[in-house]
Amino acid sequence: MKGVQKFFSAYIQCTIICSNPETMVELINNTLHRGSTIMDVEGGYSHKRMIIVVIQQNEMHLLRQLVAKIVQKHLLQ
C-alpha cells in the first residue's frame, strides 16, 4: 500500500547529507521557497548534518541542480 500512496502523492521528502548545510539551506529557501530541517547525524566514521526538505515532484530537477552547483563550488575551492 505504501507504493500506491507514493504514486498518488505530489510531494516527496528529500535528504541531503553534508558538512556545512548553511549555503544549501539558503539556496533552498530563496530559490524553491521551501522550508527545511537540519539535524545532526553521526556515522561510523564521521559527524555530518542532514537537511530534510519536502518538495513537489516537479521541483526535483531544480533541487538536483542546486546541489550540484554547491558541490562543484566547494570542490573547486
Protein backbone atom coordinates (compact mmCIF):
# COMPACT_ATOMS: atom_id res chain seq x y z
CA MET A 1 0.00 0.00 0.00
CA LYS A 2 2.93 2.36 0.63
CA GLY A 3 3.89 2.27 -3.05
CA VAL A 4 0.37 3.25 -4.07
CA GLN A 5 0.39 6.20 -1.66
CA LYS A 6 3.71 7.38 -3.04
CA PHE A 7 2.41 7.13 -6.60
CA PHE A 8 -0.50 9.48 -5.90
CA SER A 9 1.46 11.92 -3.74
CA ALA A 10 2.60 15.15 -5.38
CA TYR A 11 5.21 15.75 -2.65
CA ILE A 12 8.43 13.93 -1.84
CA GLN A 13 10.83 14.16 1.09
CA CYS A 14 14.49 14.63 0.17
CA THR A 15 17.51 14.25 2.42
CA ILE A 16 20.86 15.89 1.78
CA ILE A 17 23.83 14.96 3.99
CA CYS A 18 26.71 17.43 4.15
CA SER A 19 29.21 19.06 6.50
CA ASN A 20 28.10 22.68 6.14
CA PRO A 21 24.40 22.97 5.27
CA GLU A 22 24.00 26.74 5.65
CA THR A 23 24.63 27.59 1.99
CA MET A 24 22.37 24.81 0.78
CA VAL A 25 19.53 25.81 3.13
CA GLU A 26 19.79 29.42 1.99
CA LEU A 27 19.52 28.35 -1.66
CA ILE A 28 16.54 26.09 -0.92
CA ASN A 29 14.77 28.89 0.94
CA ASN A 30 15.45 31.57 -1.69
CA THR A 31 15.10 29.51 -4.88
CA LEU A 32 12.48 26.87 -4.09
CA HIS A 33 10.73 28.91 -1.38
CA ARG A 34 10.64 25.82 0.85
CA GLY A 35 11.50 25.41 4.48
CA SER A 36 13.92 22.75 5.62
CA THR A 37 15.01 20.91 8.74
CA ILE A 38 18.66 20.48 9.76
CA MET A 39 19.64 17.58 12.02
CA ASP A 40 22.99 16.36 13.32
CA VAL A 41 23.76 12.80 12.22
CA GLU A 42 26.52 10.53 13.46
CA GLY A 43 28.10 7.96 11.20
CA GLY A 44 30.61 5.26 11.97
CA TYR A 45 33.48 7.43 10.75
CA SER A 46 32.16 10.97 10.62
CA HIS A 47 29.84 13.59 12.06
CA LYS A 48 27.69 15.34 9.45
CA ARG A 49 24.46 17.31 9.21
CA MET A 50 21.35 16.25 7.35
CA ILE A 51 18.93 18.58 5.57
CA ILE A 52 15.35 17.38 5.12
CA VAL A 53 13.16 19.23 2.64
CA VAL A 54 9.72 18.39 1.25
CA ILE A 55 9.24 19.42 -2.37
CA GLN A 56 6.86 18.79 -5.22
CA GLN A 57 7.95 16.11 -7.65
CA ASN A 58 8.35 18.64 -10.46
CA GLU A 59 10.90 20.59 -8.33
CA MET A 60 13.27 17.62 -8.05
CA HIS A 61 15.27 18.60 -11.14
CA LEU A 62 15.87 22.10 -9.77
CA LEU A 63 16.92 20.72 -6.37
CA ARG A 64 19.43 18.41 -8.05
CA GLN A 65 20.84 21.37 -9.97
CA LEU A 66 21.21 23.37 -6.75
CA VAL A 67 23.02 20.50 -5.00
CA ALA A 68 25.34 20.03 -8.00
CA LYS A 69 26.09 23.76 -8.05
CA ILE A 70 27.08 23.79 -4.36
CA VAL A 71 29.11 20.57 -4.60
CA GLN A 72 31.00 21.86 -7.64
CA LYS A 73 31.66 25.21 -5.94
CA HIS A 74 33.13 23.50 -2.85
CA LEU A 75 35.24 21.09 -4.90
CA LEU A 76 36.86 23.97 -6.78
CA GLN A 77 37.87 25.86 -3.63
